[in-house]
């Protein structure tokens, strides 16, 4: 997903940790959750790990206990994992 197609609502933080931040956003008119991973421009190991996570999640579609994977943005230092937004947890 091109990063300029994501509209992030930084006031609607859903979670945070040492490695990133999850915020509510919009993509093509749909509400989504966007996990932003903190990454240095030259951290190829982090990028590879992130891509591997995205590939794994893309294989787990339509599972009743896993939020739907929408896509990702891989343009270091911007790494975003976009998933279905769940209103109630």
PDB file of N, CA and C in Angstrom:
ATOM      1  N   UNK A   1       0.856  -1.173   0.000  1.00  0.00           N
ATOM      2  CA  UNK A   1       0.000   0.000   0.000  1.00  0.00           C
ATOM      3  C   UNK A   1       0.901   1.234   0.000  1.00  0.00           C
ATOM      4  N   UNK A   2       0.729   2.132  -0.937  1.00  0.00           N
ATOM      5  CA  UNK A   2       1.513   3.374  -0.903  1.00  0.00           C
ATOM      6  C   UNK A   2       1.171   4.181   0.352  1.00  0.00           C
ATOM      7  N   UNK A   3       2.177   4.651   1.033  1.00  0.00           N
ATOM      8  CA  UNK A   3       1.980   5.349   2.306  1.00  0.00           C
ATOM      9  C   UNK A   3       1.087   6.572   2.134  1.00  0.00           C
ATOM     10  N   UNK A   4       1.096   7.205   0.979  1.00  0.00           N
ATOM     11  CA  UNK A   4       0.263   8.398   0.791  1.00  0.00           C
ATOM     12  C   UNK A   4      -1.219   8.057   0.621  1.00  0.00           C
ATOM     13  N   UNK A   5      -1.574   6.769   0.518  1.00  0.00           N
ATOM     14  CA  UNK A   5      -2.974   6.355   0.466  1.00  0.00           C
ATOM     15  C   UNK A   5      -3.554   6.125   1.859  1.00  0.00           C
ATOM     16  N   UNK A   6      -2.716   6.124   2.867  1.00  0.00           N
ATOM     17  CA  UNK A   6      -3.178   5.915   4.243  1.00  0.00           C
ATOM     18  C   UNK A   6      -3.457   7.254   4.909  1.00  0.00           C
ATOM     19  N   UNK A   7      -4.613   7.347   5.546  1.00  0.00           N
ATOM     20  CA  UNK A   7      -4.948   8.515   6.354  1.00  0.00           C
ATOM     21  C   UNK A   7      -4.931   8.061   7.810  1.00  0.00           C
ATOM     22  N   UNK A   8      -3.974   8.559   8.561  1.00  0.00           N
ATOM     23  CA  UNK A   8      -3.805   8.135   9.947  1.00  0.00           C
ATOM     24  C   UNK A   8      -4.419   9.144  10.902  1.00  0.00           C
ATOM     25  N   UNK A   9      -5.096   8.646  11.922  1.00  0.00           N
ATOM     26  CA  UNK A   9      -5.646   9.490  12.971  1.00  0.00           C
ATOM     27  C   UNK A   9      -4.773   9.310  14.204  1.00  0.00           C
ATOM     28  N   UNK A  10      -3.768  10.127  14.332  1.00  0.00           N
ATOM     29  CA  UNK A  10      -2.809   9.982  15.424  1.00  0.00           C
ATOM     30  C   UNK A  10      -3.446  10.235  16.798  1.00  0.00           C
ATOM     31  N   UNK A  11      -4.641  10.821  16.809  1.00  0.00           N
ATOM     32  CA  UNK A  11      -5.352  11.017  18.085  1.00  0.00           C
ATOM     33  C   UNK A  11      -6.025   9.724  18.526  1.00  0.00           C
ATOM     34  N   UNK A  12      -6.153   8.764  17.605  1.00  0.00           N
ATOM     35  CA  UNK A  12      -6.829   7.502  17.912  1.00  0.00           C
ATOM     36  C   UNK A  12      -5.802   6.381  18.026  1.00  0.00           C
ATOM     37  N   UNK A  13      -4.942   6.493  19.022  1.00  0.00           N
ATOM     38  CA  UNK A  13      -3.934   5.464  19.261  1.00  0.00           C
ATOM     39  C   UNK A  13      -4.611   4.237  19.866  1.00  0.00           C
ATOM     40  N   UNK A  14      -4.394   3.091  19.238  1.00  0.00           N
ATOM     41  CA  UNK A  14      -4.990   1.837  19.698  1.00  0.00           C
ATOM     42  C   UNK A  14      -4.030   1.053  20.584  1.00  0.00           C
ATOM     43  N   UNK A  15      -2.734   1.300  20.434  1.00  0.00           N
ATOM     44  CA  UNK A  15      -1.734   0.610  21.231  1.00  0.00           C
ATOM     45  C   UNK A  15      -0.352   1.117  20.894  1.00  0.00           C
ATOM     46  N   UNK A  16       0.589   0.838  21.778  1.00  0.00           N
ATOM     47  CA  UNK A  16       1.967   1.250  21.519  1.00  0.00           C
ATOM     48  C   UNK A  16       2.907   0.344  22.299  1.00  0.00           C
ATOM     49  N   UNK A  17       4.147   0.337  21.851  1.00  0.00           N
ATOM     50  CA  UNK A  17       5.174  -0.453  22.503  1.00  0.00           C
ATOM     51  C   UNK A  17       6.535   0.040  22.084  1.00  0.00           C
ATOM     52  N   UNK A  18       7.560  -0.684  22.476  1.00  0.00           N
ATOM     53  CA  UNK A  18       8.926  -0.276  22.161  1.00  0.00           C
ATOM     54  C   UNK A  18       9.199  -0.290  20.662  1.00  0.00           C
ATOM     55  N   UNK A  19       8.514  -1.167  19.935  1.00  0.00           N
ATOM     56  CA  UNK A  19       8.801  -1.319  18.512  1.00  0.00           C
ATOM     57  C   UNK A  19       7.894  -0.563  17.571  1.00  0.00           C
ATOM     58  N   UNK A  20       6.841   0.060  18.116  1.00  0.00           N
ATOM     59  CA  UNK A  20       5.949   0.757  17.210  1.00  0.00           C
ATOM     60  C   UNK A  20       4.690   1.283  17.866  1.00  0.00           C
ATOM     61  N   UNK A  21       3.754   1.648  17.010  1.00  0.00           N
ATOM     62  CA  UNK A  21       2.531   2.313  17.412  1.00  0.00           C
ATOM     63  C   UNK A  21       1.407   1.798  16.529  1.00  0.00           C
ATOM     64  N   UNK A  22       0.225   1.593  17.089  1.00  0.00           N
ATOM     65  CA  UNK A  22      -0.939   1.187  16.306  1.00  0.00           C
ATOM     66  C   UNK A  22      -1.975   2.295  16.410  1.00  0.00           C
ATOM     67  N   UNK A  23      -2.403   2.803  15.254  1.00  0.00           N
ATOM     68  CA  UNK A  23      -3.390   3.875  15.213  1.00  0.00           C
ATOM     69  C   UNK A  23      -4.535   3.492  14.282  1.00  0.00           C
ATOM     70  N   UNK A  24      -5.664   4.122  14.502  1.00  0.00           N
ATOM     71  CA  UNK A  24      -6.798   3.951  13.602  1.00  0.00           C
ATOM     72  C   UNK A  24      -6.528   4.792  12.368  1.00  0.00           C
ATOM     73  N   UNK A  25      -6.961   4.286  11.233  1.00  0.00           N
ATOM     74  CA  UNK A  25      -6.755   5.019   9.991  1.00  0.00           C
ATOM     75  C   UNK A  25      -7.841   4.716   8.976  1.00  0.00           C
ATOM     76  N   UNK A  26      -7.659   5.275   7.794  1.00  0.00           N
ATOM     77  CA  UNK A  26      -8.562   5.051   6.668  1.00  0.00           C
ATOM     78  C   UNK A  26      -7.722   4.669   5.465  1.00  0.00           C
ATOM     79  N   UNK A  27      -8.221   3.714   4.712  1.00  0.00           N
ATOM     80  CA  UNK A  27      -7.593   3.350   3.435  1.00  0.00           C
ATOM     81  C   UNK A  27      -8.699   3.062   2.445  1.00  0.00           C
ATOM     82  N   UNK A  28      -8.749   3.872   1.405  1.00  0.00           N
ATOM     83  CA  UNK A  28      -9.783   3.748   0.366  1.00  0.00           C
ATOM     84  C   UNK A  28     -11.183   3.736   0.956  1.00  0.00           C
ATOM     85  N   UNK A  29     -11.390   4.591   1.958  1.00  0.00           N
ATOM     86  CA  UNK A  29     -12.705   4.748   2.557  1.00  0.00           C
ATOM     87  C   UNK A  29     -13.054   3.756   3.645  1.00  0.00           C
ATOM     88  N   UNK A  30     -12.191   2.807   3.918  1.00  0.00           N
ATOM     89  CA  UNK A  30     -12.462   1.797   4.941  1.00  0.00           C
ATOM     90  C   UNK A  30     -11.647   2.084   6.196  1.00  0.00           C
ATOM     91  N   UNK A  31     -12.250   1.844   7.350  1.00  0.00           N
ATOM     92  CA  UNK A  31     -11.536   1.980   8.617  1.00  0.00           C
ATOM     93  C   UNK A  31     -10.549   0.823   8.747  1.00  0.00           C
ATOM     94  N   UNK A  32      -9.329   1.143   9.116  1.00  0.00           N
ATOM     95  CA  UNK A  32      -8.280   0.132   9.268  1.00  0.00           C
ATOM     96  C   UNK A  32      -7.472   0.431  10.531  1.00  0.00           C
ATOM     97  N   UNK A  33      -6.746  -0.579  10.989  1.00  0.00           N
ATOM     98  CA  UNK A  33      -5.759  -0.401  12.056  1.00  0.00           C
ATOM     99  C   UNK A  33      -4.392  -0.415  11.379  1.00  0.00           C
ATOM    100  N   UNK A  34      -3.558   0.530  11.723  1.00  0.00           N
ATOM    101  CA  UNK A  34      -2.244   0.656  11.089  1.00  0.00           C
ATOM    102  C   UNK A  34      -1.156   0.514  12.156  1.00  0.00           C
ATOM    103  N   UNK A  35      -0.391  -0.558  12.032  1.00  0.00           N
ATOM    104  CA  UNK A  35       0.742  -0.780  12.927  1.00  0.00           C
ATOM    105  C   UNK A  35       1.964  -0.143  12.273  1.00  0.00           C
ATOM    106  N   UNK A  36       2.496   0.895  12.893  1.00  0.00           N
ATOM    107  CA  UNK A  36       3.684   1.576  12.400  1.00  0.00           C
ATOM    108  C   UNK A  36       4.886   1.050  13.165  1.00  0.00           C
ATOM    109  N   UNK A  37       5.824   0.456  12.465  1.00  0.00           N
ATOM    110  CA  UNK A  37       7.015  -0.108  13.086  1.00  0.00           C
ATOM    111  C   UNK A  37       8.142   0.901  12.990  1.00  0.00           C
ATOM    112  N   UNK A  38       8.806   1.146  14.114  1.00  0.00           N
ATOM    113  CA  UNK A  38       9.946   2.063  14.133  1.00  0.00           C
ATOM    114  C   UNK A  38      11.150   1.359  13.513  1.00  0.00           C
ATOM    115  N   UNK A  39      11.739   1.971  12.501  1.00  0.00           N
ATOM    116  CA  UNK A  39      12.838   1.333  11.775  1.00  0.00           C
ATOM    117  C   UNK A  39      13.831   2.384  11.295  1.00  0.00           C
ATOM    118  N   UNK A  40      15.105   2.075  11.439  1.00  0.00           N
ATOM    119  CA  UNK A  40      16.141   2.932  10.865  1.00  0.00           C
ATOM    120  C   UNK A  40      16.217   2.660   9.370  1.00  0.00           C
ATOM    121  N   UNK A  41      16.584   3.642   8.605  1.00  0.00           N
ATOM    122  CA  UNK A  41      16.642   3.519   7.151  1.00  0.00           C
ATOM    123  C   UNK A  41      17.522   2.363   6.713  1.00  0.00           C
ATOM    124  N   UNK A  42      18.606   2.110   7.435  1.00  0.00           N
ATOM    125  CA  UNK A  42      19.582   1.097   7.008  1.00  0.00           C
ATOM    126  C   UNK A  42      19.452  -0.240   7.743  1.00  0.00           C
ATOM    127  N   UNK A  43      18.325  -0.481   8.424  1.00  0.00           N
ATOM    128  CA  UNK A  43      18.158  -1.711   9.203  1.00  0.00           C
ATOM    129  C   UNK A  43      17.492  -2.791   8.348  1.00  0.00           C
ATOM    130  N   UNK A  44      18.265  -3.431   7.506  1.00  0.00           N
ATOM    131  CA  UNK A  44      17.737  -4.424   6.584  1.00  0.00           C
ATOM    132  C   UNK A  44      17.170  -5.640   7.317  1.00  0.00           C
ATOM    133  N   UNK A  45      17.747  -5.978   8.438  1.00  0.00           N
ATOM    134  CA  UNK A  45      17.241  -7.121   9.202  1.00  0.00           C
ATOM    135  C   UNK A  45      15.816  -6.851   9.697  1.00  0.00           C
ATOM    136  N   UNK A  46      15.563  -5.629  10.143  1.00  0.00           N
ATOM    137  CA  UNK A  46      14.226  -5.243  10.585  1.00  0.00           C
ATOM    138  C   UNK A  46      13.240  -5.287   9.416  1.00  0.00           C
ATOM    139  N   UNK A  47      13.660  -4.784   8.277  1.00  0.00           N
ATOM    140  CA  UNK A  47      12.805  -4.796   7.076  1.00  0.00           C
ATOM    141  C   UNK A  47      12.484  -6.231   6.678  1.00  0.00           C
ATOM    142  N   UNK A  48      13.480  -7.093   6.666  1.00  0.00           N
ATOM    143  CA  UNK A  48      13.268  -8.503   6.300  1.00  0.00           C
ATOM    144  C   UNK A  48      12.301  -9.184   7.266  1.00  0.00           C
ATOM    145  N   UNK A  49      12.447  -8.915   8.551  1.00  0.00           N
ATOM    146  CA  UNK A  49      11.564  -9.493   9.555  1.00  0.00           C
ATOM    147  C   UNK A  49      10.130  -8.995   9.366  1.00  0.00           C
ATOM    148  N   UNK A  50       9.984  -7.718   9.071  1.00  0.00           N
ATOM    149  CA  UNK A  50       8.671  -7.132   8.845  1.00  0.00           C
ATOM    150  C   UNK A  50       8.011  -7.743   7.613  1.00  0.00           C
ATOM    151  N   UNK A  51       8.753  -7.874   6.532  1.00  0.00           N
ATOM    152  CA  UNK A  51       8.218  -8.476   5.303  1.00  0.00           C
ATOM    153  C   UNK A  51       7.791  -9.913   5.561  1.00  0.00           C
ATOM    154  N   UNK A  52       8.573 -10.649   6.342  1.00  0.00           N
ATOM    155  CA  UNK A  52       8.225 -12.026   6.676  1.00  0.00           C
ATOM    156  C   UNK A  52       6.913 -12.069   7.476  1.00  0.00           C
ATOM    157  N   UNK A  53       6.736 -11.148   8.412  1.00  0.00           N
ATOM    158  CA  UNK A  53       5.489 -11.079   9.180  1.00  0.00           C
ATOM    159  C   UNK A  53       4.304 -10.807   8.253  1.00  0.00           C
ATOM    160  N   UNK A  54       4.472  -9.886   7.316  1.00  0.00           N
ATOM    161  CA  UNK A  54       3.398  -9.564   6.368  1.00  0.00           C
ATOM    162  C   UNK A  54       3.061 -10.766   5.492  1.00  0.00           C
ATOM    163  N   UNK A  55       4.069 -11.473   5.029  1.00  0.00           N
ATOM    164  CA  UNK A  55       3.834 -12.652   4.197  1.00  0.00           C
ATOM    165  C   UNK A  55       3.068 -13.723   4.966  1.00  0.00           C
ATOM    166  N   UNK A  56       3.426 -13.924   6.218  1.00  0.00           N
ATOM    167  CA  UNK A  56       2.737 -14.905   7.052  1.00  0.00           C
ATOM    168  C   UNK A  56       1.277 -14.513   7.245  1.00  0.00           C
ATOM    169  N   UNK A  57       1.034 -13.263   7.608  1.00  0.00           N
ATOM    170  CA  UNK A  57      -0.340 -12.808   7.830  1.00  0.00           C
ATOM    171  C   UNK A  57      -1.183 -12.862   6.564  1.00  0.00           C
ATOM    172  N   UNK A  58      -0.556 -12.639   5.423  1.00  0.00           N
ATOM    173  CA  UNK A  58      -1.318 -12.680   4.166  1.00  0.00           C
ATOM    174  C   UNK A  58      -1.827 -14.080   3.850  1.00  0.00           C
ATOM    175  N   UNK A  59      -1.232 -15.086   4.466  1.00  0.00           N
ATOM    176  CA  UNK A  59      -1.657 -16.478   4.248  1.00  0.00           C
ATOM    177  C   UNK A  59      -2.783 -16.910   5.186  1.00  0.00           C
ATOM    178  N   UNK A  60      -3.046 -16.100   6.202  1.00  0.00           N
ATOM    179  CA  UNK A  60      -4.051 -16.459   7.207  1.00  0.00           C
ATOM    180  C   UNK A  60      -5.321 -15.627   6.963  1.00  0.00           C
ATOM    181  N   UNK A  61      -5.861 -15.700   5.778  1.00  0.00           N
ATOM    182  CA  UNK A  61      -7.078 -14.962   5.445  1.00  0.00           C
ATOM    183  C   UNK A  61      -8.310 -15.743   5.866  1.00  0.00           C
ATOM    184  N   UNK A  62      -9.348 -15.020   6.242  1.00  0.00           N
ATOM    185  CA  UNK A  62     -10.651 -15.596   6.567  1.00  0.00           C
ATOM    186  C   UNK A  62     -10.632 -16.583   7.721  1.00  0.00           C
ATOM    187  N   UNK A  63      -9.814 -16.323   8.714  1.00  0.00           N
ATOM    188  CA  UNK A  63      -9.808 -17.148   9.919  1.00  0.00           C
ATOM    189  C   UNK A  63     -10.657 -16.427  10.966  1.00  0.00           C
ATOM    190  N   UNK A  64     -11.548 -17.131  11.642  1.00  0.00           N
ATOM    191  CA  UNK A  64     -12.455 -16.456  12.580  1.00  0.00           C
ATOM    192  C   UNK A  64     -11.771 -15.831  13.794  1.00  0.00           C
ATOM    193  N   UNK A  65     -10.531 -16.186  14.076  1.00  0.00           N
ATOM    194  CA  UNK A  65      -9.852 -15.673  15.269  1.00  0.00           C
ATOM    195  C   UNK A  65      -8.664 -14.761  14.943  1.00  0.00           C
ATOM    196  N   UNK A  66      -8.534 -14.360  13.697  1.00  0.00           N
ATOM    197  CA  UNK A  66      -7.429 -13.495  13.279  1.00  0.00           C
ATOM    198  C   UNK A  66      -8.002 -12.326  12.480  1.00  0.00           C
ATOM    199  N   UNK A  67      -7.593 -11.094  12.842  1.00  0.00           N
ATOM    200  CA  UNK A  67      -8.067  -9.942  12.069  1.00  0.00           C
ATOM    201  C   UNK A  67      -7.571 -10.060  10.641  1.00  0.00           C
ATOM    202  N   UNK A  68      -8.359  -9.530   9.719  1.00  0.00           N
ATOM    203  CA  UNK A  68      -8.039  -9.633   8.291  1.00  0.00           C
ATOM    204  C   UNK A  68      -6.858  -8.728   7.944  1.00  0.00           C
ATOM    205  N   UNK A  69      -5.854  -9.305   7.311  1.00  0.00           N
ATOM    206  CA  UNK A  69      -4.694  -8.569   6.811  1.00  0.00           C
ATOM    207  C   UNK A  69      -5.124  -7.823   5.557  1.00  0.00           C
ATOM    208  N   UNK A  70      -4.847  -6.524   5.499  1.00  0.00           N
ATOM    209  CA  UNK A  70      -5.215  -5.703   4.344  1.00  0.00           C
ATOM    210  C   UNK A  70      -4.021  -5.494   3.432  1.00  0.00           C
ATOM    211  N   UNK A  71      -2.864  -5.181   4.016  1.00  0.00           N
ATOM    212  CA  UNK A  71      -1.668  -4.934   3.217  1.00  0.00           C
ATOM    213  C   UNK A  71      -0.577  -4.330   4.062  1.00  0.00           C
ATOM    214  N   UNK A  72       0.482  -3.892   3.407  1.00  0.00           N
ATOM    215  CA  UNK A  72       1.585  -3.287   4.140  1.00  0.00           C
ATOM    216  C   UNK A  72       2.249  -2.225   3.287  1.00  0.00           C
ATOM    217  N   UNK A  73       3.025  -1.404   3.955  1.00  0.00           N
ATOM    218  CA  UNK A  73       3.828  -0.378   3.299  1.00  0.00           C
ATOM    219  C   UNK A  73       5.266  -0.621   3.728  1.00  0.00           C
ATOM    220  N   UNK A  74       6.127  -0.848   2.749  1.00  0.00           N
ATOM    221  CA  UNK A  74       7.534  -1.101   3.038  1.00  0.00           C
ATOM    222  C   UNK A  74       8.365  -0.072   2.281  1.00  0.00           C
ATOM    223  N   UNK A  75       8.621   1.040   2.938  1.00  0.00           N
ATOM    224  CA  UNK A  75       9.439   2.109   2.371  1.00  0.00           C
ATOM    225  C   UNK A  75      10.245   2.715   3.514  1.00  0.00           C
ATOM    226  N   UNK A  76      11.288   1.974   3.996  1.00  0.00           N
ATOM    227  CA  UNK A  76      12.039   2.427   5.171  1.00  0.00           C
ATOM    228  C   UNK A  76      12.390   3.903   5.084  1.00  0.00           C
ATOM    229  N   UNK A  77      12.210   4.644   6.174  1.00  0.00           N
ATOM    230  CA  UNK A  77      11.930   4.196   7.529  1.00  0.00           C
ATOM    231  C   UNK A  77      10.445   3.954   7.819  1.00  0.00           C
ATOM    232  N   UNK A  78       9.579   4.001   6.804  1.00  0.00           N
ATOM    233  CA  UNK A  78       8.153   3.764   7.013  1.00  0.00           C
ATOM    234  C   UNK A  78       7.836   2.291   6.776  1.00  0.00           C
ATOM    235  N   UNK A  79       7.433   1.608   7.842  1.00  0.00           N
ATOM    236  CA  UNK A  79       6.970   0.232   7.757  1.00  0.00           C
ATOM    237  C   UNK A  79       5.602   0.204   8.425  1.00  0.00           C
ATOM    238  N   UNK A  80       4.566  -0.093   7.660  1.00  0.00           N
ATOM    239  CA  UNK A  80       3.205  -0.117   8.195  1.00  0.00           C
ATOM    240  C   UNK A  80       2.528  -1.416   7.818  1.00  0.00           C
ATOM    241  N   UNK A  81       1.904  -2.042   8.800  1.00  0.00           N
ATOM    242  CA  UNK A  81       1.094  -3.222   8.576  1.00  0.00           C
ATOM    243  C   UNK A  81      -0.355  -2.773   8.731  1.00  0.00           C
ATOM    244  N   UNK A  82      -1.150  -2.977   7.710  1.00  0.00           N
ATOM    245  CA  UNK A  82      -2.535  -2.513   7.696  1.00  0.00           C
ATOM    246  C   UNK A  82      -3.456  -3.713   7.843  1.00  0.00           C
ATOM    247  N   UNK A  83      -4.365  -3.624   8.817  1.00  0.00           N
ATOM    248  CA  UNK A  83      -5.300  -4.732   9.057  1.00  0.00           C
ATOM    249  C   UNK A  83      -6.701  -4.182   9.285  1.00  0.00           C
ATOM    250  N   UNK A  84      -7.614  -5.107   9.345  1.00  0.00           N
ATOM    251  CA  UNK A  84      -9.003  -4.806   9.641  1.00  0.00           C
ATOM    252  C   UNK A  84      -9.082  -4.055  10.970  1.00  0.00           C
ATOM    253  N   UNK A  85      -9.951  -3.065  11.038  1.00  0.00           N
ATOM    254  CA  UNK A  85     -10.162  -2.350  12.297  1.00  0.00           C
ATOM    255  C   UNK A  85     -11.319  -3.023  13.033  1.00  0.00           C
ATOM    256  N   UNK A  86     -11.096  -3.383  14.270  1.00  0.00           N
ATOM    257  CA  UNK A  86     -12.125  -4.013  15.095  1.00  0.00           C
ATOM    258  C   UNK A  86     -12.586  -3.017  16.138  1.00  0.00           C
ATOM    259  N   UNK A  87     -13.829  -2.645  16.063  1.00  0.00           N
ATOM    260  CA  UNK A  87     -14.393  -1.644  16.964  1.00  0.00           C
ATOM    261  C   UNK A  87     -14.348  -2.074  18.425  1.00  0.00           C
ATOM    262  N   UNK A  88     -14.569  -3.348  18.707  1.00  0.00           N
ATOM    263  CA  UNK A  88     -14.705  -3.798  20.095  1.00  0.00           C
ATOM    264  C   UNK A  88     -13.639  -4.818  20.481  1.00  0.00           C
ATOM    265  N   UNK A  89     -12.379  -4.497  20.277  1.00  0.00           N
ATOM    266  CA  UNK A  89     -11.306  -5.362  20.736  1.00  0.00           C
ATOM    267  C   UNK A  89     -10.800  -6.337  19.724  1.00  0.00           C
TER     268      UNK A  89
END
